[in-house]
Amino acid sequence: MEIDYALILAEHFADYSWSVNGESYTGIAWHSEDRPKPTLDELNALWPEVRKKYDRIAVQAQRKIMYARVSDPVFFEWQRGEACQQDWLNAVQSVKDKYPHAGE
């Protein structure tokens, strides 16, 4: 994934006025006079944190979909006595294994 300067600016510089035309640093127009435009190095240094946050959001969204498809039906089977709790826990774990968060 390439560096997304608009995401970095939205996360760290939302209180300032700026616009982005394209995907490169040169496409950033800085309109705030009370703070200089962040340097390329500043923005690049913020990218790993921003990317991690948005990757985590994407994983959470995918997990939500898959829980509904995979583990929720097993949960209701467990509640009706048609499956055991471990079956449900296994289904939950299979979703987590397929869509892991960093650090899990």
PDB file of N, CA and C in Angstrom:
ATOM      1  N   MET A   1       0.839  -1.180   0.000  1.00  0.00           N
ATOM      2  CA  MET A   1       0.000   0.000   0.000  1.00  0.00           C
ATOM      3  C   MET A   1       0.888   1.248   0.000  1.00  0.00           C
ATOM      4  N   GLU A   2       0.634   2.126  -0.926  1.00  0.00           N
ATOM      5  CA  GLU A   2       1.396   3.368  -1.005  1.00  0.00           C
ATOM      6  C   GLU A   2       1.000   4.300   0.129  1.00  0.00           C
ATOM      7  N   ILE A   3       1.857   5.228   0.427  1.00  0.00           N
ATOM      8  CA  ILE A   3       1.563   6.209   1.466  1.00  0.00           C
ATOM      9  C   ILE A   3       0.369   7.046   1.032  1.00  0.00           C
ATOM     10  N   ASP A   4      -0.603   7.163   1.922  1.00  0.00           N
ATOM     11  CA  ASP A   4      -1.820   7.928   1.649  1.00  0.00           C
ATOM     12  C   ASP A   4      -1.740   9.232   2.438  1.00  0.00           C
ATOM     13  N   TYR A   5      -1.287  10.276   1.763  1.00  0.00           N
ATOM     14  CA  TYR A   5      -1.081  11.554   2.436  1.00  0.00           C
ATOM     15  C   TYR A   5      -2.391  12.169   2.913  1.00  0.00           C
ATOM     16  N   ALA A   6      -3.470  11.950   2.194  1.00  0.00           N
ATOM     17  CA  ALA A   6      -4.766  12.484   2.634  1.00  0.00           C
ATOM     18  C   ALA A   6      -5.183  11.864   3.965  1.00  0.00           C
ATOM     19  N   LEU A   7      -4.950  10.565   4.135  1.00  0.00           N
ATOM     20  CA  LEU A   7      -5.273   9.924   5.413  1.00  0.00           C
ATOM     21  C   LEU A   7      -4.411  10.471   6.542  1.00  0.00           C
ATOM     22  N   ILE A   8      -3.137  10.648   6.272  1.00  0.00           N
ATOM     23  CA  ILE A   8      -2.238  11.188   7.297  1.00  0.00           C
ATOM     24  C   ILE A   8      -2.693  12.583   7.702  1.00  0.00           C
ATOM     25  N   LEU A   9      -2.991  13.412   6.721  1.00  0.00           N
ATOM     26  CA  LEU A   9      -3.436  14.777   7.017  1.00  0.00           C
ATOM     27  C   LEU A   9      -4.760  14.769   7.767  1.00  0.00           C
ATOM     28  N   ALA A  10      -5.664  13.902   7.381  1.00  0.00           N
ATOM     29  CA  ALA A  10      -6.960  13.826   8.064  1.00  0.00           C
ATOM     30  C   ALA A  10      -6.795  13.395   9.515  1.00  0.00           C
ATOM     31  N   GLU A  11      -5.858  12.513   9.773  1.00  0.00           N
ATOM     32  CA  GLU A  11      -5.636  12.014  11.133  1.00  0.00           C
ATOM     33  C   GLU A  11      -4.887  13.004  12.014  1.00  0.00           C
ATOM     34  N   HIS A  12      -3.903  13.668  11.461  1.00  0.00           N
ATOM     35  CA  HIS A  12      -3.001  14.477  12.281  1.00  0.00           C
ATOM     36  C   HIS A  12      -3.103  15.987  12.059  1.00  0.00           C
ATOM     37  N   PHE A  13      -3.766  16.388  10.993  1.00  0.00           N
ATOM     38  CA  PHE A  13      -3.822  17.814  10.674  1.00  0.00           C
ATOM     39  C   PHE A  13      -5.242  18.244  10.301  1.00  0.00           C
ATOM     40  N   ALA A  14      -6.219  17.630  10.918  1.00  0.00           N
ATOM     41  CA  ALA A  14      -7.621  17.916  10.607  1.00  0.00           C
ATOM     42  C   ALA A  14      -8.019  19.345  10.968  1.00  0.00           C
ATOM     43  N   ASP A  15      -7.334  19.947  11.909  1.00  0.00           N
ATOM     44  CA  ASP A  15      -7.676  21.302  12.338  1.00  0.00           C
ATOM     45  C   ASP A  15      -7.069  22.388  11.442  1.00  0.00           C
ATOM     46  N   TYR A  16      -6.334  21.978  10.433  1.00  0.00           N
ATOM     47  CA  TYR A  16      -5.712  22.939   9.529  1.00  0.00           C
ATOM     48  C   TYR A  16      -6.387  22.876   8.166  1.00  0.00           C
ATOM     49  N   SER A  17      -6.170  23.899   7.382  1.00  0.00           N
ATOM     50  CA  SER A  17      -6.771  23.957   6.053  1.00  0.00           C
ATOM     51  C   SER A  17      -5.753  23.473   5.019  1.00  0.00           C
ATOM     52  N   TRP A  18      -6.145  22.468   4.266  1.00  0.00           N
ATOM     53  CA  TRP A  18      -5.289  21.884   3.245  1.00  0.00           C
ATOM     54  C   TRP A  18      -6.158  21.181   2.217  1.00  0.00           C
ATOM     55  N   SER A  19      -5.590  20.872   1.098  1.00  0.00           N
ATOM     56  CA  SER A  19      -6.271  20.064   0.088  1.00  0.00           C
ATOM     57  C   SER A  19      -5.231  19.184  -0.589  1.00  0.00           C
ATOM     58  N   VAL A  20      -5.713  18.128  -1.206  1.00  0.00           N
ATOM     59  CA  VAL A  20      -4.804  17.187  -1.868  1.00  0.00           C
ATOM     60  C   VAL A  20      -5.303  16.965  -3.289  1.00  0.00           C
ATOM     61  N   ASN A  21      -4.397  17.101  -4.227  1.00  0.00           N
ATOM     62  CA  ASN A  21      -4.700  16.833  -5.627  1.00  0.00           C
ATOM     63  C   ASN A  21      -3.761  15.729  -6.081  1.00  0.00           C
ATOM     64  N   GLY A  22      -4.286  14.538  -6.206  1.00  0.00           N
ATOM     65  CA  GLY A  22      -3.458  13.393  -6.567  1.00  0.00           C
ATOM     66  C   GLY A  22      -3.010  12.649  -5.324  1.00  0.00           C
ATOM     67  N   GLU A  23      -1.989  11.828  -5.485  1.00  0.00           N
ATOM     68  CA  GLU A  23      -1.564  10.965  -4.388  1.00  0.00           C
ATOM     69  C   GLU A  23      -0.146  11.254  -3.896  1.00  0.00           C
ATOM     70  N   SER A  24       0.500  12.249  -4.462  1.00  0.00           N
ATOM     71  CA  SER A  24       1.877  12.518  -4.059  1.00  0.00           C
ATOM     72  C   SER A  24       1.953  13.730  -3.134  1.00  0.00           C
ATOM     73  N   TYR A  25       3.072  13.852  -2.477  1.00  0.00           N
ATOM     74  CA  TYR A  25       3.304  14.978  -1.569  1.00  0.00           C
ATOM     75  C   TYR A  25       3.187  16.311  -2.305  1.00  0.00           C
ATOM     76  N   THR A  26       3.639  16.352  -3.544  1.00  0.00           N
ATOM     77  CA  THR A  26       3.591  17.609  -4.297  1.00  0.00           C
ATOM     78  C   THR A  26       2.165  18.063  -4.579  1.00  0.00           C
ATOM     79  N   GLY A  27       1.212  17.172  -4.451  1.00  0.00           N
ATOM     80  CA  GLY A  27      -0.188  17.528  -4.665  1.00  0.00           C
ATOM     81  C   GLY A  27      -0.868  18.127  -3.447  1.00  0.00           C
ATOM     82  N   ILE A  28      -0.138  18.247  -2.342  1.00  0.00           N
ATOM     83  CA  ILE A  28      -0.714  18.826  -1.125  1.00  0.00           C
ATOM     84  C   ILE A  28      -0.611  20.345  -1.207  1.00  0.00           C
ATOM     85  N   ALA A  29      -1.755  21.002  -1.105  1.00  0.00           N
ATOM     86  CA  ALA A  29      -1.791  22.465  -1.032  1.00  0.00           C
ATOM     87  C   ALA A  29      -2.112  22.825   0.416  1.00  0.00           C
ATOM     88  N   TRP A  30      -1.235  23.578   1.024  1.00  0.00           N
ATOM     89  CA  TRP A  30      -1.374  23.956   2.432  1.00  0.00           C
ATOM     90  C   TRP A  30      -1.922  25.378   2.494  1.00  0.00           C
ATOM     91  N   HIS A  31      -3.059  25.537   3.183  1.00  0.00           N
ATOM     92  CA  HIS A  31      -3.746  26.831   3.211  1.00  0.00           C
ATOM     93  C   HIS A  31      -3.720  27.489   4.584  1.00  0.00           C
ATOM     94  N   SER A  32      -3.095  26.872   5.554  1.00  0.00           N
ATOM     95  CA  SER A  32      -3.050  27.419   6.915  1.00  0.00           C
ATOM     96  C   SER A  32      -1.786  28.239   7.110  1.00  0.00           C
ATOM     97  N   GLU A  33      -1.972  29.446   7.594  1.00  0.00           N
ATOM     98  CA  GLU A  33      -0.827  30.319   7.823  1.00  0.00           C
ATOM     99  C   GLU A  33      -0.239  30.152   9.222  1.00  0.00           C
ATOM    100  N   ASP A  34      -1.018  29.578  10.152  1.00  0.00           N
ATOM    101  CA  ASP A  34      -0.553  29.469  11.535  1.00  0.00           C
ATOM    102  C   ASP A  34       0.343  28.255  11.777  1.00  0.00           C
ATOM    103  N   ARG A  35       0.543  27.451  10.763  1.00  0.00           N
ATOM    104  CA  ARG A  35       1.457  26.314  10.862  1.00  0.00           C
ATOM    105  C   ARG A  35       2.012  26.050   9.484  1.00  0.00           C
ATOM    106  N   PRO A  36       3.304  25.842   9.386  1.00  0.00           N
ATOM    107  CA  PRO A  36       3.866  25.528   8.067  1.00  0.00           C
ATOM    108  C   PRO A  36       3.419  24.141   7.593  1.00  0.00           C
ATOM    109  N   LYS A  37       3.445  23.961   6.303  1.00  0.00           N
ATOM    110  CA  LYS A  37       3.113  22.666   5.709  1.00  0.00           C
ATOM    111  C   LYS A  37       4.056  21.613   6.284  1.00  0.00           C
ATOM    112  N   PRO A  38       3.513  20.471   6.712  1.00  0.00           N
ATOM    113  CA  PRO A  38       4.390  19.391   7.202  1.00  0.00           C
ATOM    114  C   PRO A  38       5.346  18.955   6.081  1.00  0.00           C
ATOM    115  N   THR A  39       6.523  18.598   6.477  1.00  0.00           N
ATOM    116  CA  THR A  39       7.503  18.148   5.487  1.00  0.00           C
ATOM    117  C   THR A  39       7.179  16.731   5.035  1.00  0.00           C
ATOM    118  N   LEU A  40       7.773  16.365   3.946  1.00  0.00           N
ATOM    119  CA  LEU A  40       7.623  15.005   3.446  1.00  0.00           C
ATOM    120  C   LEU A  40       8.095  14.001   4.492  1.00  0.00           C
ATOM    121  N   ASP A  41       9.216  14.286   5.131  1.00  0.00           N
ATOM    122  CA  ASP A  41       9.735  13.379   6.159  1.00  0.00           C
ATOM    123  C   ASP A  41       8.781  13.261   7.347  1.00  0.00           C
ATOM    124  N   GLU A  42       8.169  14.385   7.753  1.00  0.00           N
ATOM    125  CA  GLU A  42       7.199  14.340   8.861  1.00  0.00           C
ATOM    126  C   GLU A  42       6.019  13.423   8.514  1.00  0.00           C
ATOM    127  N   LEU A  43       5.484  13.621   7.327  1.00  0.00           N
ATOM    128  CA  LEU A  43       4.329  12.814   6.926  1.00  0.00           C
ATOM    129  C   LEU A  43       4.707  11.348   6.757  1.00  0.00           C
ATOM    130  N   ASN A  44       5.844  11.092   6.159  1.00  0.00           N
ATOM    131  CA  ASN A  44       6.289   9.705   5.992  1.00  0.00           C
ATOM    132  C   ASN A  44       6.479   9.014   7.340  1.00  0.00           C
ATOM    133  N   ALA A  45       6.954   9.760   8.336  1.00  0.00           N
ATOM    134  CA  ALA A  45       7.154   9.186   9.668  1.00  0.00           C
ATOM    135  C   ALA A  45       5.828   8.841  10.346  1.00  0.00           C
ATOM    136  N   LEU A  46       4.762   9.549   9.991  1.00  0.00           N
ATOM    137  CA  LEU A  46       3.440   9.284  10.583  1.00  0.00           C
ATOM    138  C   LEU A  46       2.708   8.129   9.894  1.00  0.00           C
ATOM    139  N   TRP A  47       3.135   7.769   8.702  1.00  0.00           N
ATOM    140  CA  TRP A  47       2.423   6.772   7.908  1.00  0.00           C
ATOM    141  C   TRP A  47       2.277   5.406   8.597  1.00  0.00           C
ATOM    142  N   PRO A  48       3.307   4.834   9.204  1.00  0.00           N
ATOM    143  CA  PRO A  48       3.121   3.509   9.817  1.00  0.00           C
ATOM    144  C   PRO A  48       1.984   3.487  10.849  1.00  0.00           C
ATOM    145  N   GLU A  49       1.884   4.521  11.667  1.00  0.00           N
ATOM    146  CA  GLU A  49       0.811   4.590  12.671  1.00  0.00           C
ATOM    147  C   GLU A  49      -0.567   4.694  12.006  1.00  0.00           C
ATOM    148  N   VAL A  50      -0.688   5.550  11.004  1.00  0.00           N
ATOM    149  CA  VAL A  50      -1.967   5.735  10.320  1.00  0.00           C
ATOM    150  C   VAL A  50      -2.349   4.466   9.572  1.00  0.00           C
ATOM    151  N   ARG A  51      -1.393   3.868   8.891  1.00  0.00           N
ATOM    152  CA  ARG A  51      -1.680   2.634   8.149  1.00  0.00           C
ATOM    153  C   ARG A  51      -2.142   1.524   9.089  1.00  0.00           C
ATOM    154  N   LYS A  52      -1.481   1.402  10.230  1.00  0.00           N
ATOM    155  CA  LYS A  52      -1.868   0.380  11.204  1.00  0.00           C
ATOM    156  C   LYS A  52      -3.310   0.597  11.658  1.00  0.00           C
ATOM    157  N   LYS A  53      -3.668   1.840  11.932  1.00  0.00           N
ATOM    158  CA  LYS A  53      -5.033   2.136  12.363  1.00  0.00           C
ATOM    159  C   LYS A  53      -6.048   1.740  11.294  1.00  0.00           C
ATOM    160  N   TYR A  54      -5.799   2.136  10.051  1.00  0.00           N
ATOM    161  CA  TYR A  54      -6.755   1.852   8.989  1.00  0.00           C
ATOM    162  C   TYR A  54      -6.748   0.382   8.581  1.00  0.00           C
ATOM    163  N   ASP A  55      -5.624  -0.280   8.689  1.00  0.00           N
ATOM    164  CA  ASP A  55      -5.597  -1.728   8.464  1.00  0.00           C
ATOM    165  C   ASP A  55      -6.451  -2.428   9.519  1.00  0.00           C
ATOM    166  N   ARG A  56      -6.349  -1.970  10.764  1.00  0.00           N
ATOM    167  CA  ARG A  56      -7.132  -2.559  11.847  1.00  0.00           C
ATOM    168  C   ARG A  56      -8.632  -2.333  11.619  1.00  0.00           C
ATOM    169  N   ILE A  57      -8.993  -1.145  11.176  1.00  0.00           N
ATOM    170  CA  ILE A  57     -10.398  -0.845  10.881  1.00  0.00           C
ATOM    171  C   ILE A  57     -10.907  -1.774   9.774  1.00  0.00           C
ATOM    172  N   ALA A  58     -10.090  -1.991   8.752  1.00  0.00           N
ATOM    173  CA  ALA A  58     -10.491  -2.875   7.646  1.00  0.00           C
ATOM    174  C   ALA A  58     -10.667  -4.311   8.133  1.00  0.00           C
ATOM    175  N   VAL A  59      -9.766  -4.771   8.998  1.00  0.00           N
ATOM    176  CA  VAL A  59      -9.875  -6.128   9.545  1.00  0.00           C
ATOM    177  C   VAL A  59     -11.139  -6.248  10.403  1.00  0.00           C
ATOM    178  N   GLN A  60     -11.413  -5.236  11.214  1.00  0.00           N
ATOM    179  CA  GLN A  60     -12.611  -5.274  12.056  1.00  0.00           C
ATOM    180  C   GLN A  60     -13.873  -5.345  11.204  1.00  0.00           C
ATOM    181  N   ALA A  61     -13.909  -4.595  10.120  1.00  0.00           N
ATOM    182  CA  ALA A  61     -15.075  -4.620   9.238  1.00  0.00           C
ATOM    183  C   ALA A  61     -15.240  -5.990   8.597  1.00  0.00           C
ATOM    184  N   GLN A  62     -14.143  -6.578   8.146  1.00  0.00           N
ATOM    185  CA  GLN A  62     -14.216  -7.905   7.533  1.00  0.00           C
ATOM    186  C   GLN A  62     -14.620  -8.952   8.565  1.00  0.00           C
ATOM    187  N   ARG A  63     -14.078  -8.834   9.766  1.00  0.00           N
ATOM    188  CA  ARG A  63     -14.461  -9.780  10.816  1.00  0.00           C
ATOM    189  C   ARG A  63     -15.942  -9.694  11.111  1.00  0.00           C
ATOM    190  N   LYS A  64     -16.478  -8.502  11.174  1.00  0.00           N
ATOM    191  CA  LYS A  64     -17.905  -8.332  11.473  1.00  0.00           C
ATOM    192  C   LYS A  64     -18.762  -9.089  10.455  1.00  0.00           C
ATOM    193  N   ILE A  65     -18.398  -8.954   9.200  1.00  0.00           N
ATOM    194  CA  ILE A  65     -19.119  -9.664   8.138  1.00  0.00           C
ATOM    195  C   ILE A  65     -18.988 -11.171   8.333  1.00  0.00           C
ATOM    196  N   MET A  66     -17.778 -11.626   8.596  1.00  0.00           N
ATOM    197  CA  MET A  66     -17.545 -13.062   8.709  1.00  0.00           C
ATOM    198  C   MET A  66     -18.126 -13.657   9.986  1.00  0.00           C
ATOM    199  N   TYR A  67     -18.138 -12.897  11.075  1.00  0.00           N
ATOM    200  CA  TYR A  67     -18.807 -13.394  12.283  1.00  0.00           C
ATOM    201  C   TYR A  67     -20.275 -13.665  11.969  1.00  0.00           C
ATOM    202  N   ALA A  68     -20.910 -12.745  11.258  1.00  0.00           N
ATOM    203  CA  ALA A  68     -22.324 -12.924  10.916  1.00  0.00           C
ATOM    204  C   ALA A  68     -22.532 -14.168  10.050  1.00  0.00           C
ATOM    205  N   ARG A  69     -21.590 -14.446   9.171  1.00  0.00           N
ATOM    206  CA  ARG A  69     -21.727 -15.593   8.266  1.00  0.00           C
ATOM    207  C   ARG A  69     -21.298 -16.914   8.893  1.00  0.00           C
ATOM    208  N   VAL A  70     -20.233 -16.868   9.701  1.00  0.00           N
ATOM    209  CA  VAL A  70     -19.601 -18.102  10.155  1.00  0.00           C
ATOM    210  C   VAL A  70     -19.933 -18.444  11.602  1.00  0.00           C
ATOM    211  N   SER A  71     -19.667 -17.535  12.518  1.00  0.00           N
ATOM    212  CA  SER A  71     -19.793 -17.894  13.935  1.00  0.00           C
ATOM    213  C   SER A  71     -21.165 -17.630  14.536  1.00  0.00           C
ATOM    214  N   ASP A  72     -21.882 -16.615  14.047  1.00  0.00           N
ATOM    215  CA  ASP A  72     -23.203 -16.337  14.617  1.00  0.00           C
ATOM    216  C   ASP A  72     -24.167 -17.520  14.461  1.00  0.00           C
ATOM    217  N   PRO A  73     -24.209 -18.168  13.291  1.00  0.00           N
ATOM    218  CA  PRO A  73     -25.106 -19.328  13.185  1.00  0.00           C
ATOM    219  C   PRO A  73     -24.759 -20.439  14.181  1.00  0.00           C
ATOM    220  N   VAL A  74     -23.465 -20.637  14.421  1.00  0.00           N
ATOM    221  CA  VAL A  74     -23.051 -21.667  15.380  1.00  0.00           C
ATOM    222  C   VAL A  74     -23.428 -21.243  16.795  1.00  0.00           C
ATOM    223  N   PHE A  75     -23.337 -19.955  17.085  1.00  0.00           N
ATOM    224  CA  PHE A  75     -23.755 -19.449  18.396  1.00  0.00           C
ATOM    225  C   PHE A  75     -25.225 -19.791  18.640  1.00  0.00           C
ATOM    226  N   PHE A  76     -26.064 -19.521  17.651  1.00  0.00           N
ATOM    227  CA  PHE A  76     -27.493 -19.798  17.828  1.00  0.00           C
ATOM    228  C   PHE A  76     -27.769 -21.302  17.909  1.00  0.00           C
ATOM    229  N   GLU A  77     -26.985 -22.103  17.194  1.00  0.00           N
ATOM    230  CA  GLU A  77     -27.106 -23.562  17.341  1.00  0.00           C
ATOM    231  C   GLU A  77     -26.755 -23.963  18.771  1.00  0.00           C
ATOM    232  N   TRP A  78     -25.720 -23.369  19.300  1.00  0.00           N
ATOM    233  CA  TRP A  78     -25.316 -23.650  20.682  1.00  0.00           C
ATOM    234  C   TRP A  78     -26.442 -23.264  21.637  1.00  0.00           C
ATOM    235  N   GLN A  79     -27.040 -22.115  21.408  1.00  0.00           N
ATOM    236  CA  GLN A  79     -28.128 -21.655  22.277  1.00  0.00           C
ATOM    237  C   GLN A  79     -29.332 -22.596  22.220  1.00  0.00           C
ATOM    238  N   ARG A  80     -29.552 -23.209  21.064  1.00  0.00           N
ATOM    239  CA  ARG A  80     -30.672 -24.161  20.915  1.00  0.00           C
ATOM    240  C   ARG A  80     -30.296 -25.575  21.341  1.00  0.00           C
ATOM    241  N   GLY A  81     -29.063 -25.791  21.749  1.00  0.00           N
ATOM    242  CA  GLY A  81     -28.620 -27.114  22.158  1.00  0.00           C
ATOM    243  C   GLY A  81     -28.220 -28.007  21.007  1.00  0.00           C
ATOM    244  N   GLU A  82     -28.027 -27.435  19.822  1.00  0.00           N
ATOM    245  CA  GLU A  82     -27.668 -28.205  18.631  1.00  0.00           C
ATOM    246  C   GLU A  82     -26.155 -28.246  18.402  1.00  0.00           C
ATOM    247  N   ALA A  83     -25.424 -27.477  19.173  1.00  0.00           N
ATOM    248  CA  ALA A  83     -23.956 -27.441  19.082  1.00  0.00           C
ATOM    249  C   ALA A  83     -23.443 -27.122  20.482  1.00  0.00           C
ATOM    250  N   CYS A  84     -22.171 -27.328  20.680  1.00  0.00           N
ATOM    251  CA  CYS A  84     -21.603 -27.018  21.991  1.00  0.00           C
ATOM    252  C   CYS A  84     -20.864 -25.671  21.937  1.00  0.00           C
ATOM    253  N   GLN A  85     -20.582 -25.156  23.109  1.00  0.00           N
ATOM    254  CA  GLN A  85     -19.900 -23.874  23.190  1.00  0.00           C
ATOM    255  C   GLN A  85     -18.568 -23.905  22.445  1.00  0.00           C
ATOM    256  N   GLN A  86     -17.858 -25.011  22.534  1.00  0.00           N
ATOM    257  CA  GLN A  86     -16.559 -25.101  21.872  1.00  0.00           C
ATOM    258  C   GLN A  86     -16.696 -24.986  20.359  1.00  0.00           C
ATOM    259  N   ASP A  87     -17.788 -25.501  19.792  1.00  0.00           N
ATOM    260  CA  ASP A  87     -18.012 -25.340  18.354  1.00  0.00           C
ATOM    261  C   ASP A  87     -18.079 -23.855  17.984  1.00  0.00           C
ATOM    262  N   TRP A  88     -18.809 -23.097  18.808  1.00  0.00           N
ATOM    263  CA  TRP A  88     -18.921 -21.661  18.571  1.00  0.00           C
ATOM    264  C   TRP A  88     -17.561 -20.974  18.736  1.00  0.00           C
ATOM    265  N   LEU A  89     -16.849 -21.306  19.822  1.00  0.00           N
ATOM    266  CA  LEU A  89     -15.534 -20.707  20.046  1.00  0.00           C
ATOM    267  C   LEU A  89     -14.571 -21.034  18.907  1.00  0.00           C
ATOM    268  N   ASN A  90     -14.662 -22.239  18.387  1.00  0.00           N
ATOM    269  CA  ASN A  90     -13.833 -22.628  17.240  1.00  0.00           C
ATOM    270  C   ASN A  90     -14.184 -21.796  16.004  1.00  0.00           C
ATOM    271  N   ALA A  91     -15.476 -21.543  15.805  1.00  0.00           N
ATOM    272  CA  ALA A  91     -15.907 -20.734  14.660  1.00  0.00           C
ATOM    273  C   ALA A  91     -15.400 -19.303  14.796  1.00  0.00           C
ATOM    274  N   VAL A  92     -15.482 -18.758  15.999  1.00  0.00           N
ATOM    275  CA  VAL A  92     -14.953 -17.413  16.251  1.00  0.00           C
ATOM    276  C   VAL A  92     -13.451 -17.382  15.976  1.00  0.00           C
ATOM    277  N   GLN A  93     -12.741 -18.376  16.466  1.00  0.00           N
ATOM    278  CA  GLN A  93     -11.292 -18.417  16.274  1.00  0.00           C
ATOM    279  C   GLN A  93     -10.929 -18.556  14.801  1.00  0.00           C
ATOM    280  N   SER A  94     -11.733 -19.287  14.048  1.00  0.00           N
ATOM    281  CA  SER A  94     -11.431 -19.443  12.620  1.00  0.00           C
ATOM    282  C   SER A  94     -11.518 -18.098  11.898  1.00  0.00           C
ATOM    283  N   VAL A  95     -12.466 -17.255  12.309  1.00  0.00           N
ATOM    284  CA  VAL A  95     -12.561 -15.913  11.723  1.00  0.00           C
ATOM    285  C   VAL A  95     -11.337 -15.092  12.125  1.00  0.00           C
ATOM    286  N   LYS A  96     -10.980 -15.140  13.402  1.00  0.00           N
ATOM    287  CA  LYS A  96      -9.808 -14.393  13.873  1.00  0.00           C
ATOM    288  C   LYS A  96      -8.535 -14.852  13.167  1.00  0.00           C
ATOM    289  N   ASP A  97      -8.429 -16.150  12.927  1.00  0.00           N
ATOM    290  CA  ASP A  97      -7.243 -16.680  12.249  1.00  0.00           C
ATOM    291  C   ASP A  97      -7.176 -16.211  10.797  1.00  0.00           C
ATOM    292  N   LYS A  98      -8.329 -16.135  10.147  1.00  0.00           N
ATOM    293  CA  LYS A  98      -8.359 -15.726   8.753  1.00  0.00           C
ATOM    294  C   LYS A  98      -8.136 -14.222   8.593  1.00  0.00           C
ATOM    295  N   TYR A  99      -8.590 -13.437   9.592  1.00  0.00           N
ATOM    296  CA  TYR A  99      -8.470 -11.975   9.545  1.00  0.00           C
ATOM    297  C   TYR A  99      -7.800 -11.495  10.833  1.00  0.00           C
ATOM    298  N   PRO A 100      -6.487 -11.706  10.954  1.00  0.00           N
ATOM    299  CA  PRO A 100      -5.801 -11.356  12.198  1.00  0.00           C
ATOM    300  C   PRO A 100      -5.524  -9.860  12.319  1.00  0.00           C
ATOM    301  N   HIS A 101      -5.557  -9.389  13.558  1.00  0.00           N
ATOM    302  CA  HIS A 101      -5.063  -8.046  13.884  1.00  0.00           C
ATOM    303  C   HIS A 101      -3.578  -8.187  14.167  1.00  0.00           C
ATOM    304  N   ALA A 102      -2.846  -7.148  13.909  1.00  0.00           N
ATOM    305  CA  ALA A 102      -1.432  -7.159  14.284  1.00  0.00           C
ATOM    306  C   ALA A 102      -1.337  -7.272  15.795  1.00  0.00           C
ATOM    307  N   GLY A 103      -0.494  -8.152  16.268  1.00  0.00           N
ATOM    308  CA  GLY A 103      -0.296  -8.293  17.711  1.00  0.00           C
ATOM    309  C   GLY A 103      -1.204  -9.301  18.372  1.00  0.00           C
ATOM    310  N   GLU A 104      -2.094  -9.942  17.618  1.00  0.00           N
ATOM    311  CA  GLU A 104      -2.952 -10.962  18.213  1.00  0.00           C
ATOM    312  C   GLU A 104      -2.314 -12.327  18.064  1.00  0.00           C
TER     313      GLU A 104
END
